[in-house]
PDB file of all heavy atoms in Angstrom:
ATOM      1  N   SER A   1     152.288  -3.865 104.429  1.00  0.00           N
ATOM      2  CA  SER A   1     151.180  -4.084 105.294  1.00  0.00           C
ATOM      3  C   SER A   1     151.255  -3.153 106.465  1.00  0.00           C
ATOM      4  O   SER A   1     152.335  -2.721 106.887  1.00  0.00           O
ATOM      5  CB  SER A   1     151.264  -5.515 105.774  1.00  0.00           C
ATOM      6  OG  SER A   1     151.113  -6.487 104.799  1.00  0.00           O
ATOM      7  N   LEU A   2     150.113  -2.888 106.995  1.00  0.00           N
ATOM      8  CA  LEU A   2     150.019  -2.080 108.296  1.00  0.00           C
ATOM      9  C   LEU A   2     148.849  -2.693 109.053  1.00  0.00           C
ATOM     10  O   LEU A   2     147.867  -3.196 108.438  1.00  0.00           O
ATOM     11  CB  LEU A   2     149.744  -0.677 108.076  1.00  0.00           C
ATOM     12  CG  LEU A   2     150.900   0.214 107.558  1.00  0.00           C
ATOM     13  CD1 LEU A   2     150.459   1.619 107.165  1.00  0.00           C
ATOM     14  CD2 LEU A   2     152.003   0.268 108.640  1.00  0.00           C
ATOM     15  N   ARG A   3     148.893  -2.529 110.335  1.00  0.00           N
ATOM     16  CA  ARG A   3     147.780  -2.959 111.258  1.00  0.00           C
ATOM     17  C   ARG A   3     147.371  -1.735 112.112  1.00  0.00           C
ATOM     18  O   ARG A   3     148.153  -1.213 112.857  1.00  0.00           O
ATOM     19  CB  ARG A   3     148.153  -4.104 112.129  1.00  0.00           C
ATOM     20  CG  ARG A   3     146.960  -4.625 112.931  1.00  0.00           C
ATOM     21  CD  ARG A   3     147.396  -5.599 113.976  1.00  0.00           C
ATOM     22  NE  ARG A   3     146.277  -6.401 114.571  1.00  0.00           N
ATOM     23  CZ  ARG A   3     146.275  -6.809 115.769  1.00  0.00           C
ATOM     24  NH1 ARG A   3     147.308  -6.572 116.629  1.00  0.00           N
ATOM     25  NH2 ARG A   3     145.243  -7.534 116.196  1.00  0.00           N
ATOM     26  N   LEU A   4     146.194  -1.288 111.830  1.00  0.00           N
ATOM     27  CA  LEU A   4     145.610  -0.188 112.535  1.00  0.00           C
ATOM     28  C   LEU A   4     144.852  -0.643 113.832  1.00  0.00           C
ATOM     29  O   LEU A   4     144.191  -1.688 113.720  1.00  0.00           O
ATOM     30  CB  LEU A   4     144.693   0.699 111.693  1.00  0.00           C
ATOM     31  CG  LEU A   4     145.284   1.144 110.351  1.00  0.00           C
ATOM     32  CD1 LEU A   4     144.232   2.056 109.638  1.00  0.00           C
ATOM     33  CD2 LEU A   4     146.574   1.841 110.504  1.00  0.00           C
ATOM     34  N   SER A   5     144.889   0.151 114.847  1.00  0.00           N
ATOM     35  CA  SER A   5     144.087  -0.147 116.060  1.00  0.00           C
ATOM     36  C   SER A   5     143.254   1.057 116.397  1.00  0.00           C
ATOM     37  O   SER A   5     143.620   2.206 116.128  1.00  0.00           O
ATOM     38  CB  SER A   5     145.016  -0.436 117.257  1.00  0.00           C
ATOM     39  OG  SER A   5     145.778  -1.581 116.936  1.00  0.00           O
ATOM     40  N   CYS A   6     142.113   0.731 117.017  1.00  0.00           N
ATOM     41  CA  CYS A   6     141.207   1.811 117.513  1.00  0.00           C
ATOM     42  C   CYS A   6     140.713   1.480 118.855  1.00  0.00           C
ATOM     43  O   CYS A   6     139.961   0.452 118.985  1.00  0.00           O
ATOM     44  CB  CYS A   6     140.069   2.084 116.548  1.00  0.00           C
ATOM     45  SG  CYS A   6     138.764   3.167 117.137  1.00  0.00           S
ATOM     46  N   LEU A   7     141.103   2.209 119.885  1.00  0.00           N
ATOM     47  CA  LEU A   7     140.559   2.027 121.188  1.00  0.00           C
ATOM     48  C   LEU A   7     139.407   2.953 121.434  1.00  0.00           C
ATOM     49  O   LEU A   7     139.527   4.180 121.207  1.00  0.00           O
ATOM     50  CB  LEU A   7     141.688   2.324 122.251  1.00  0.00           C
ATOM     51  CG  LEU A   7     141.314   2.268 123.728  1.00  0.00           C
ATOM     52  CD1 LEU A   7     140.801   0.843 124.101  1.00  0.00           C
ATOM     53  CD2 LEU A   7     142.461   2.682 124.596  1.00  0.00           C
ATOM     54  N   ALA A   8     138.232   2.381 121.783  1.00  0.00           N
ATOM     55  CA  ALA A   8     137.042   3.118 121.920  1.00  0.00           C
ATOM     56  C   ALA A   8     136.542   3.055 123.399  1.00  0.00           C
ATOM     57  O   ALA A   8     136.719   2.007 124.038  1.00  0.00           O
ATOM     58  CB  ALA A   8     135.961   2.546 121.022  1.00  0.00           C
ATOM     59  N   SER A   9     136.026   4.094 123.864  1.00  0.00           N
ATOM     60  CA  SER A   9     135.416   4.024 125.178  1.00  0.00           C
ATOM     61  C   SER A   9     134.198   3.130 125.121  1.00  0.00           C
ATOM     62  O   SER A   9     133.562   2.959 124.051  1.00  0.00           O
ATOM     63  CB  SER A   9     134.985   5.435 125.667  1.00  0.00           C
ATOM     64  OG  SER A   9     134.110   6.018 124.767  1.00  0.00           O
ATOM     65  N   GLY A  10     133.847   2.498 126.232  1.00  0.00           N
ATOM     66  CA  GLY A  10     132.857   1.449 126.241  1.00  0.00           C
ATOM     67  C   GLY A  10     131.521   1.946 125.746  1.00  0.00           C
ATOM     68  O   GLY A  10     130.756   1.100 125.115  1.00  0.00           O
ATOM     69  N   SER A  11     131.127   3.158 125.972  1.00  0.00           N
ATOM     70  CA  SER A  11     129.851   3.636 125.510  1.00  0.00           C
ATOM     71  C   SER A  11     129.707   3.676 124.031  1.00  0.00           C
ATOM     72  O   SER A  11     128.577   3.693 123.480  1.00  0.00           O
ATOM     73  CB  SER A  11     129.543   4.992 126.123  1.00  0.00           C
ATOM     74  OG  SER A  11     130.504   5.937 125.661  1.00  0.00           O
ATOM     75  N   ILE A  12     130.831   3.762 123.384  1.00  0.00           N
ATOM     76  CA  ILE A  12     130.818   3.797 121.902  1.00  0.00           C
ATOM     77  C   ILE A  12     130.845   2.352 121.328  1.00  0.00           C
ATOM     78  O   ILE A  12     130.166   2.020 120.389  1.00  0.00           O
ATOM     79  CB  ILE A  12     132.065   4.556 121.366  1.00  0.00           C
ATOM     80  CG1 ILE A  12     132.081   5.982 121.748  1.00  0.00           C
ATOM     81  CG2 ILE A  12     132.100   4.371 119.789  1.00  0.00           C
ATOM     82  CD1 ILE A  12     133.295   6.734 121.354  1.00  0.00           C
ATOM     83  N   PHE A  13     131.599   1.479 122.020  1.00  0.00           N
ATOM     84  CA  PHE A  13     131.956   0.140 121.435  1.00  0.00           C
ATOM     85  C   PHE A  13     130.974  -0.932 121.759  1.00  0.00           C
ATOM     86  O   PHE A  13     130.649  -1.704 120.899  1.00  0.00           O
ATOM     87  CB  PHE A  13     133.341  -0.144 121.928  1.00  0.00           C
ATOM     88  CG  PHE A  13     133.976  -1.422 121.347  1.00  0.00           C
ATOM     89  CD1 PHE A  13     134.764  -1.270 120.187  1.00  0.00           C
ATOM     90  CD2 PHE A  13     133.780  -2.624 121.976  1.00  0.00           C
ATOM     91  CE1 PHE A  13     135.315  -2.490 119.664  1.00  0.00           C
ATOM     92  CE2 PHE A  13     134.347  -3.746 121.401  1.00  0.00           C
ATOM     93  CZ  PHE A  13     135.084  -3.657 120.273  1.00  0.00           C
ATOM     94  N   SER A  14     130.619  -1.014 122.979  1.00  0.00           N
ATOM     95  CA  SER A  14     129.902  -2.176 123.501  1.00  0.00           C
ATOM     96  C   SER A  14     128.640  -2.432 122.776  1.00  0.00           C
ATOM     97  O   SER A  14     127.771  -1.602 122.713  1.00  0.00           O
ATOM     98  CB  SER A  14     129.619  -1.963 125.001  1.00  0.00           C
ATOM     99  OG  SER A  14     129.015  -3.095 125.562  1.00  0.00           O
ATOM    100  N   GLY A  15     128.546  -3.668 122.127  1.00  0.00           N
ATOM    101  CA  GLY A  15     127.342  -4.069 121.482  1.00  0.00           C
ATOM    102  C   GLY A  15     127.048  -3.437 120.181  1.00  0.00           C
ATOM    103  O   GLY A  15     126.005  -3.601 119.640  1.00  0.00           O
ATOM    104  N   ARG A  16     128.011  -2.626 119.702  1.00  0.00           N
ATOM    105  CA  ARG A  16     127.722  -1.817 118.491  1.00  0.00           C
ATOM    106  C   ARG A  16     128.511  -2.316 117.284  1.00  0.00           C
ATOM    107  O   ARG A  16     129.613  -2.837 117.417  1.00  0.00           O
ATOM    108  CB  ARG A  16     128.097  -0.302 118.748  1.00  0.00           C
ATOM    109  CG  ARG A  16     127.437   0.276 119.976  1.00  0.00           C
ATOM    110  CD  ARG A  16     125.924   0.376 119.810  1.00  0.00           C
ATOM    111  NE  ARG A  16     125.290   1.128 120.828  1.00  0.00           N
ATOM    112  CZ  ARG A  16     124.871   2.366 120.680  1.00  0.00           C
ATOM    113  NH1 ARG A  16     124.939   3.008 119.511  1.00  0.00           N
ATOM    114  NH2 ARG A  16     124.305   2.967 121.694  1.00  0.00           N
ATOM    115  N   THR A  17     127.918  -2.048 116.095  1.00  0.00           N
ATOM    116  CA  THR A  17     128.649  -2.290 114.858  1.00  0.00           C
ATOM    117  C   THR A  17     129.656  -1.114 114.707  1.00  0.00           C
ATOM    118  O   THR A  17     129.322   0.005 114.810  1.00  0.00           O
ATOM    119  CB  THR A  17     127.704  -2.300 113.635  1.00  0.00           C
ATOM    120  OG1 THR A  17     126.828  -3.384 113.788  1.00  0.00           O
ATOM    121  CG2 THR A  17     128.486  -2.434 112.405  1.00  0.00           C
ATOM    122  N   MET A  18     130.900  -1.599 114.503  1.00  0.00           N
ATOM    123  CA  MET A  18     131.958  -0.552 114.369  1.00  0.00           C
ATOM    124  C   MET A  18     132.521  -0.541 112.923  1.00  0.00           C
ATOM    125  O   MET A  18     132.387  -1.456 112.195  1.00  0.00           O
ATOM    126  CB  MET A  18     133.197  -0.868 115.291  1.00  0.00           C
ATOM    127  CG  MET A  18     132.847  -0.853 116.735  1.00  0.00           C
ATOM    128  SD  MET A  18     132.405   0.881 117.326  1.00  0.00           S
ATOM    129  CE  MET A  18     134.012   1.712 117.106  1.00  0.00           C
ATOM    130  N   GLY A  19     133.001   0.613 112.525  1.00  0.00           N
ATOM    131  CA  GLY A  19     133.506   0.716 111.124  1.00  0.00           C
ATOM    132  C   GLY A  19     134.794   1.479 111.080  1.00  0.00           C
ATOM    133  O   GLY A  19     135.169   2.265 111.990  1.00  0.00           O
ATOM    134  N   TRP A  20     135.606   1.113 110.071  1.00  0.00           N
ATOM    135  CA  TRP A  20     136.794   1.883 109.758  1.00  0.00           C
ATOM    136  C   TRP A  20     136.430   2.781 108.465  1.00  0.00           C
ATOM    137  O   TRP A  20     135.840   2.268 107.512  1.00  0.00           O
ATOM    138  CB  TRP A  20     137.967   0.984 109.360  1.00  0.00           C
ATOM    139  CG  TRP A  20     138.722   0.478 110.578  1.00  0.00           C
ATOM    140  CD1 TRP A  20     138.592  -0.748 111.161  1.00  0.00           C
ATOM    141  CD2 TRP A  20     139.684   1.221 111.358  1.00  0.00           C
ATOM    142  NE1 TRP A  20     139.417  -0.743 112.292  1.00  0.00           N
ATOM    143  CE2 TRP A  20     140.130   0.398 112.357  1.00  0.00           C
ATOM    144  CE3 TRP A  20     140.285   2.530 111.202  1.00  0.00           C
ATOM    145  CZ2 TRP A  20     141.130   0.740 113.341  1.00  0.00           C
ATOM    146  CZ3 TRP A  20     141.263   2.906 112.101  1.00  0.00           C
ATOM    147  CH2 TRP A  20     141.639   2.023 113.151  1.00  0.00           C
ATOM    148  N   TYR A  21     136.809   4.008 108.550  1.00  0.00           N
ATOM    149  CA  TYR A  21     136.587   4.983 107.480  1.00  0.00           C
ATOM    150  C   TYR A  21     137.927   5.539 107.075  1.00  0.00           C
ATOM    151  O   TYR A  21     138.906   5.402 107.794  1.00  0.00           O
ATOM    152  CB  TYR A  21     135.683   6.102 108.015  1.00  0.00           C
ATOM    153  CG  TYR A  21     134.356   5.755 108.544  1.00  0.00           C
ATOM    154  CD1 TYR A  21     134.245   5.166 109.826  1.00  0.00           C
ATOM    155  CD2 TYR A  21     133.229   6.066 107.808  1.00  0.00           C
ATOM    156  CE1 TYR A  21     133.033   4.829 110.310  1.00  0.00           C
ATOM    157  CE2 TYR A  21     131.995   5.680 108.388  1.00  0.00           C
ATOM    158  CZ  TYR A  21     131.854   5.101 109.548  1.00  0.00           C
ATOM    159  OH  TYR A  21     130.652   4.803 110.056  1.00  0.00           O
ATOM    160  N   ARG A  22     137.978   6.171 105.902  1.00  0.00           N
ATOM    161  CA  ARG A  22     139.152   6.818 105.498  1.00  0.00           C
ATOM    162  C   ARG A  22     138.856   8.090 104.673  1.00  0.00           C
ATOM    163  O   ARG A  22     137.773   8.167 104.038  1.00  0.00           O
ATOM    164  CB  ARG A  22     140.085   5.915 104.654  1.00  0.00           C
ATOM    165  CG  ARG A  22     139.556   5.498 103.305  1.00  0.00           C
ATOM    166  CD  ARG A  22     140.463   4.497 102.669  1.00  0.00           C
ATOM    167  NE  ARG A  22     140.015   4.060 101.319  1.00  0.00           N
ATOM    168  CZ  ARG A  22     140.549   3.070 100.642  1.00  0.00           C
ATOM    169  NH1 ARG A  22     141.653   2.389 101.126  1.00  0.00           N
ATOM    170  NH2 ARG A  22     140.079   2.668  99.468  1.00  0.00           N
ATOM    171  N   GLN A  23     139.764   9.024 104.754  1.00  0.00           N
ATOM    172  CA  GLN A  23     139.509  10.270 104.004  1.00  0.00           C
ATOM    173  C   GLN A  23     140.835  10.594 103.331  1.00  0.00           C
ATOM    174  O   GLN A  23     141.842  10.911 103.991  1.00  0.00           O
ATOM    175  CB  GLN A  23     139.111  11.360 104.927  1.00  0.00           C
ATOM    176  CG  GLN A  23     138.747  12.675 104.166  1.00  0.00           C
ATOM    177  CD  GLN A  23     137.980  13.682 104.970  1.00  0.00           C
ATOM    178  OE1 GLN A  23     138.014  13.648 106.213  1.00  0.00           O
ATOM    179  NE2 GLN A  23     137.321  14.605 104.357  1.00  0.00           N
ATOM    180  N   ALA A  24     140.820  10.507 101.963  1.00  0.00           N
ATOM    181  CA  ALA A  24     141.981  10.889 101.197  1.00  0.00           C
ATOM    182  C   ALA A  24     142.009  12.340 100.937  1.00  0.00           C
ATOM    183  O   ALA A  24     140.984  13.014 101.022  1.00  0.00           O
ATOM    184  CB  ALA A  24     141.940  10.076  99.896  1.00  0.00           C
ATOM    185  N   PRO A  25     143.156  12.908 100.643  1.00  0.00           N
ATOM    186  CA  PRO A  25     143.246  14.340 100.430  1.00  0.00           C
ATOM    187  C   PRO A  25     142.242  14.780  99.312  1.00  0.00           C
ATOM    188  O   PRO A  25     142.193  14.180  98.229  1.00  0.00           O
ATOM    189  CB  PRO A  25     144.712  14.552  99.956  1.00  0.00           C
ATOM    190  CG  PRO A  25     145.454  13.444 100.580  1.00  0.00           C
ATOM    191  CD  PRO A  25     144.467  12.265 100.563  1.00  0.00           C
ATOM    192  N   GLY A  26     141.459  15.846  99.649  1.00  0.00           N
ATOM    193  CA  GLY A  26     140.551  16.322  98.676  1.00  0.00           C
ATOM    194  C   GLY A  26     139.275  15.505  98.464  1.00  0.00           C
ATOM    195  O   GLY A  26     138.472  15.854  97.502  1.00  0.00           O
ATOM    196  N   LYS A  27     139.105  14.461  99.219  1.00  0.00           N
ATOM    197  CA  LYS A  27     137.996  13.621  98.997  1.00  0.00           C
ATOM    198  C   LYS A  27     137.049  13.500 100.279  1.00  0.00           C
ATOM    199  O   LYS A  27     137.577  13.884 101.340  1.00  0.00           O
ATOM    200  CB  LYS A  27     138.428  12.231  98.568  1.00  0.00           C
ATOM    201  CG  LYS A  27     139.123  12.145  97.220  1.00  0.00           C
ATOM    202  CD  LYS A  27     139.352  10.699  96.768  1.00  0.00           C
ATOM    203  CE  LYS A  27     139.983  10.715  95.410  1.00  0.00           C
ATOM    204  NZ  LYS A  27     140.226   9.237  94.980  1.00  0.00           N
ATOM    205  N   GLN A  28     135.912  13.047 100.092  1.00  0.00           N
ATOM    206  CA  GLN A  28     135.032  12.814 101.308  1.00  0.00           C
ATOM    207  C   GLN A  28     135.410  11.588 102.005  1.00  0.00           C
ATOM    208  O   GLN A  28     136.104  10.660 101.461  1.00  0.00           O
ATOM    209  CB  GLN A  28     133.602  12.713 100.766  1.00  0.00           C
ATOM    210  CG  GLN A  28     132.976  14.064 100.267  1.00  0.00           C
ATOM    211  CD  GLN A  28     131.459  13.903 100.027  1.00  0.00           C
ATOM    212  OE1 GLN A  28     130.982  12.890  99.749  1.00  0.00           O
ATOM    213  NE2 GLN A  28     130.809  15.049 100.124  1.00  0.00           N
ATOM    214  N   ARG A  29     135.046  11.557 103.276  1.00  0.00           N
ATOM    215  CA  ARG A  29     135.317  10.369 104.130  1.00  0.00           C
ATOM    216  C   ARG A  29     134.467   9.256 103.606  1.00  0.00           C
ATOM    217  O   ARG A  29     133.295   9.466 103.281  1.00  0.00           O
ATOM    218  CB  ARG A  29     135.003  10.687 105.538  1.00  0.00           C
ATOM    219  CG  ARG A  29     135.308   9.641 106.507  1.00  0.00           C
ATOM    220  CD  ARG A  29     135.058  10.119 107.941  1.00  0.00           C
ATOM    221  NE  ARG A  29     135.969  11.148 108.318  1.00  0.00           N
ATOM    222  CZ  ARG A  29     135.801  12.022 109.284  1.00  0.00           C
ATOM    223  NH1 ARG A  29     134.603  11.960 110.011  1.00  0.00           N
ATOM    224  NH2 ARG A  29     136.609  12.966 109.556  1.00  0.00           N
ATOM    225  N   GLU A  30     135.082   8.034 103.476  1.00  0.00           N
ATOM    226  CA  GLU A  30     134.313   6.858 102.961  1.00  0.00           C
ATOM    227  C   GLU A  30     134.448   5.728 103.946  1.00  0.00           C
ATOM    228  O   GLU A  30     135.446   5.587 104.637  1.00  0.00           O
ATOM    229  CB  GLU A  30     134.863   6.439 101.567  1.00  0.00           C
ATOM    230  CG  GLU A  30     136.275   5.819 101.584  1.00  0.00           C
ATOM    231  CD  GLU A  30     136.652   5.061 100.321  1.00  0.00           C
ATOM    232  OE1 GLU A  30     135.703   4.642  99.582  1.00  0.00           O
ATOM    233  OE2 GLU A  30     137.843   4.949 100.080  1.00  0.00           O
ATOM    234  N   LEU A  31     133.413   4.985 104.036  1.00  0.00           N
ATOM    235  CA  LEU A  31     133.383   3.766 104.839  1.00  0.00           C
ATOM    236  C   LEU A  31     134.113   2.661 104.129  1.00  0.00           C
ATOM    237  O   LEU A  31     133.886   2.349 102.975  1.00  0.00           O
ATOM    238  CB  LEU A  31     131.900   3.397 105.156  1.00  0.00           C
ATOM    239  CG  LEU A  31     131.700   2.136 105.981  1.00  0.00           C
ATOM    240  CD1 LEU A  31     132.297   2.306 107.415  1.00  0.00           C
ATOM    241  CD2 LEU A  31     130.232   1.812 106.050  1.00  0.00           C
ATOM    242  N   VAL A  32     135.035   2.012 104.868  1.00  0.00           N
ATOM    243  CA  VAL A  32     135.921   0.989 104.295  1.00  0.00           C
ATOM    244  C   VAL A  32     135.476  -0.357 104.705  1.00  0.00           C
ATOM    245  O   VAL A  32     135.456  -1.343 103.944  1.00  0.00           O
ATOM    246  CB  VAL A  32     137.363   1.285 104.710  1.00  0.00           C
ATOM    247  CG1 VAL A  32     138.319   0.083 104.225  1.00  0.00           C
ATOM    248  CG2 VAL A  32     137.897   2.550 104.124  1.00  0.00           C
ATOM    249  N   ALA A  33     135.211  -0.546 105.977  1.00  0.00           N
ATOM    250  CA  ALA A  33     134.839  -1.922 106.503  1.00  0.00           C
ATOM    251  C   ALA A  33     134.058  -1.786 107.790  1.00  0.00           C
ATOM    252  O   ALA A  33     134.215  -0.728 108.459  1.00  0.00           O
ATOM    253  CB  ALA A  33     136.173  -2.727 106.835  1.00  0.00           C
ATOM    254  N   THR A  34     133.200  -2.770 108.052  1.00  0.00           N
ATOM    255  CA  THR A  34     132.385  -2.792 109.242  1.00  0.00           C
ATOM    256  C   THR A  34     132.500  -4.131 109.908  1.00  0.00           C
ATOM    257  O   THR A  34     132.702  -5.203 109.217  1.00  0.00           O
ATOM    258  CB  THR A  34     130.959  -2.436 108.977  1.00  0.00           C
ATOM    259  OG1 THR A  34     130.414  -3.415 108.072  1.00  0.00           O
ATOM    260  CG2 THR A  34     130.810  -1.043 108.332  1.00  0.00           C
ATOM    261  N   ILE A  35     132.156  -4.138 111.162  1.00  0.00           N
ATOM    262  CA  ILE A  35     132.113  -5.383 111.959  1.00  0.00           C
ATOM    263  C   ILE A  35     131.063  -5.313 113.002  1.00  0.00           C
ATOM    264  O   ILE A  35     130.999  -4.276 113.736  1.00  0.00           O
ATOM    265  CB  ILE A  35     133.504  -5.801 112.544  1.00  0.00           C
ATOM    266  CG1 ILE A  35     133.423  -7.151 113.207  1.00  0.00           C
ATOM    267  CG2 ILE A  35     134.005  -4.720 113.491  1.00  0.00           C
ATOM    268  CD1 ILE A  35     134.797  -7.779 113.487  1.00  0.00           C
ATOM    269  N   THR A  36     130.158  -6.279 113.009  1.00  0.00           N
ATOM    270  CA  THR A  36     129.086  -6.279 114.085  1.00  0.00           C
ATOM    271  C   THR A  36     129.657  -6.721 115.406  1.00  0.00           C
ATOM    272  O   THR A  36     130.775  -7.208 115.442  1.00  0.00           O
ATOM    273  CB  THR A  36     127.921  -7.125 113.707  1.00  0.00           C
ATOM    274  OG1 THR A  36     128.396  -8.504 113.659  1.00  0.00           O
ATOM    275  CG2 THR A  36     127.424  -6.801 112.266  1.00  0.00           C
ATOM    276  N   SER A  37     128.864  -6.602 116.445  1.00  0.00           N
ATOM    277  CA  SER A  37     129.281  -7.088 117.748  1.00  0.00           C
ATOM    278  C   SER A  37     129.505  -8.521 117.749  1.00  0.00           C
ATOM    279  O   SER A  37     130.400  -9.007 118.478  1.00  0.00           O
ATOM    280  CB  SER A  37     128.355  -6.698 118.808  1.00  0.00           C
ATOM    281  OG  SER A  37     127.057  -7.245 118.492  1.00  0.00           O
ATOM    282  N   GLY A  38     128.888  -9.268 116.862  1.00  0.00           N
ATOM    283  CA  GLY A  38     129.061 -10.743 116.738  1.00  0.00           C
ATOM    284  C   GLY A  38     130.156 -11.141 115.862  1.00  0.00           C
ATOM    285  O   GLY A  38     130.403 -12.324 115.657  1.00  0.00           O
ATOM    286  N   GLY A  39     130.767 -10.217 115.118  1.00  0.00           N
ATOM    287  CA  GLY A  39     131.870 -10.518 114.239  1.00  0.00           C
ATOM    288  C   GLY A  39     131.575 -10.586 112.767  1.00  0.00           C
ATOM    289  O   GLY A  39     132.484 -10.946 111.988  1.00  0.00           O
ATOM    290  N   THR A  40     130.428 -10.305 112.302  1.00  0.00           N
ATOM    291  CA  THR A  40     130.083 -10.262 110.864  1.00  0.00           C
ATOM    292  C   THR A  40     130.717  -9.045 110.213  1.00  0.00           C
ATOM    293  O   THR A  40     130.634  -7.958 110.765  1.00  0.00           O
ATOM    294  CB  THR A  40     128.595 -10.220 110.643  1.00  0.00           C
ATOM    295  OG1 THR A  40     127.982 -11.370 111.198  1.00  0.00           O
ATOM    296  CG2 THR A  40     128.313 -10.266 109.123  1.00  0.00           C
ATOM    297  N   THR A  41     131.409  -9.309 109.124  1.00  0.00           N
ATOM    298  CA  THR A  41     132.210  -8.272 108.499  1.00  0.00           C
ATOM    299  C   THR A  41     131.674  -7.869 107.104  1.00  0.00           C
ATOM    300  O   THR A  41     131.075  -8.720 106.423  1.00  0.00           O
ATOM    301  CB  THR A  41     133.689  -8.633 108.362  1.00  0.00           C
ATOM    302  OG1 THR A  41     133.777  -9.781 107.610  1.00  0.00           O
ATOM    303  CG2 THR A  41     134.295  -8.844 109.771  1.00  0.00           C
ATOM    304  N   ASN A  42     131.962  -6.641 106.674  1.00  0.00           N
ATOM    305  CA  ASN A  42     131.622  -6.233 105.334  1.00  0.00           C
ATOM    306  C   ASN A  42     132.715  -5.242 104.892  1.00  0.00           C
ATOM    307  O   ASN A  42     133.274  -4.503 105.763  1.00  0.00           O
ATOM    308  CB  ASN A  42     130.288  -5.510 105.194  1.00  0.00           C
ATOM    309  CG  ASN A  42     129.160  -6.506 105.033  1.00  0.00           C
ATOM    310  OD1 ASN A  42     129.049  -7.179 103.998  1.00  0.00           O
ATOM    311  ND2 ASN A  42     128.350  -6.671 106.063  1.00  0.00           N
ATOM    312  N   TYR A  43     132.977  -5.279 103.553  1.00  0.00           N
ATOM    313  CA  TYR A  43     134.023  -4.351 103.049  1.00  0.00           C
ATOM    314  C   TYR A  43     133.630  -3.678 101.758  1.00  0.00           C
ATOM    315  O   TYR A  43     132.792  -4.223 101.021  1.00  0.00           O
ATOM    316  CB  TYR A  43     135.296  -5.240 102.685  1.00  0.00           C
ATOM    317  CG  TYR A  43     135.837  -6.017 103.925  1.00  0.00           C
ATOM    318  CD1 TYR A  43     135.368  -7.270 104.119  1.00  0.00           C
ATOM    319  CD2 TYR A  43     136.770  -5.486 104.656  1.00  0.00           C
ATOM    320  CE1 TYR A  43     135.870  -8.038 105.238  1.00  0.00           C
ATOM    321  CE2 TYR A  43     137.294  -6.239 105.814  1.00  0.00           C
ATOM    322  CZ  TYR A  43     136.835  -7.431 106.048  1.00  0.00           C
ATOM    323  OH  TYR A  43     137.354  -8.139 107.137  1.00  0.00           O
ATOM    324  N   VAL A  44     134.161  -2.533 101.554  1.00  0.00           N
ATOM    325  CA  VAL A  44     133.989  -1.881 100.270  1.00  0.00           C
ATOM    326  C   VAL A  44     134.779  -2.681  99.228  1.00  0.00           C
ATOM    327  O   VAL A  44     135.830  -3.284  99.551  1.00  0.00           O
ATOM    328  CB  VAL A  44     134.493  -0.360 100.401  1.00  0.00           C
ATOM    329  CG1 VAL A  44     135.958  -0.306 100.536  1.00  0.00           C
ATOM    330  CG2 VAL A  44     134.031   0.347  99.191  1.00  0.00           C
ATOM    331  N   ASP A  45     134.305  -2.666  98.034  1.00  0.00           N
ATOM    332  CA  ASP A  45     134.916  -3.550  96.927  1.00  0.00           C
ATOM    333  C   ASP A  45     136.384  -3.298  96.799  1.00  0.00           C
ATOM    334  O   ASP A  45     137.136  -4.223  96.516  1.00  0.00           O
ATOM    335  CB  ASP A  45     134.151  -3.375  95.645  1.00  0.00           C
ATOM    336  CG  ASP A  45     132.839  -4.013  95.619  1.00  0.00           C
ATOM    337  OD1 ASP A  45     132.523  -4.822  96.465  1.00  0.00           O
ATOM    338  OD2 ASP A  45     132.032  -3.707  94.654  1.00  0.00           O
ATOM    339  N   SER A  46     136.840  -2.021  96.913  1.00  0.00           N
ATOM    340  CA  SER A  46     138.165  -1.669  96.661  1.00  0.00           C
ATOM    341  C   SER A  46     139.152  -2.250  97.658  1.00  0.00           C
ATOM    342  O   SER A  46     140.408  -2.406  97.362  1.00  0.00           O
ATOM    343  CB  SER A  46     138.357  -0.200  96.661  1.00  0.00           C
ATOM    344  OG  SER A  46     138.011   0.412  97.906  1.00  0.00           O
TER     345      SER A  46
END
C-alpha cells in the first residue's frame, strides 16, 4: 500500500472536482479517480 498526497493552491482546489492521473512508461496519461467538492467519487475500473 501507499498513500499519495497532493497539495494544491486554493485557486485550483477550492470548489473544484479534483482528479488523480497516472502515466506509465510509454503510455498516455490516464485519469484514475475523481472527487467532487462534495465528496462524490469515481474510479477507473482497473
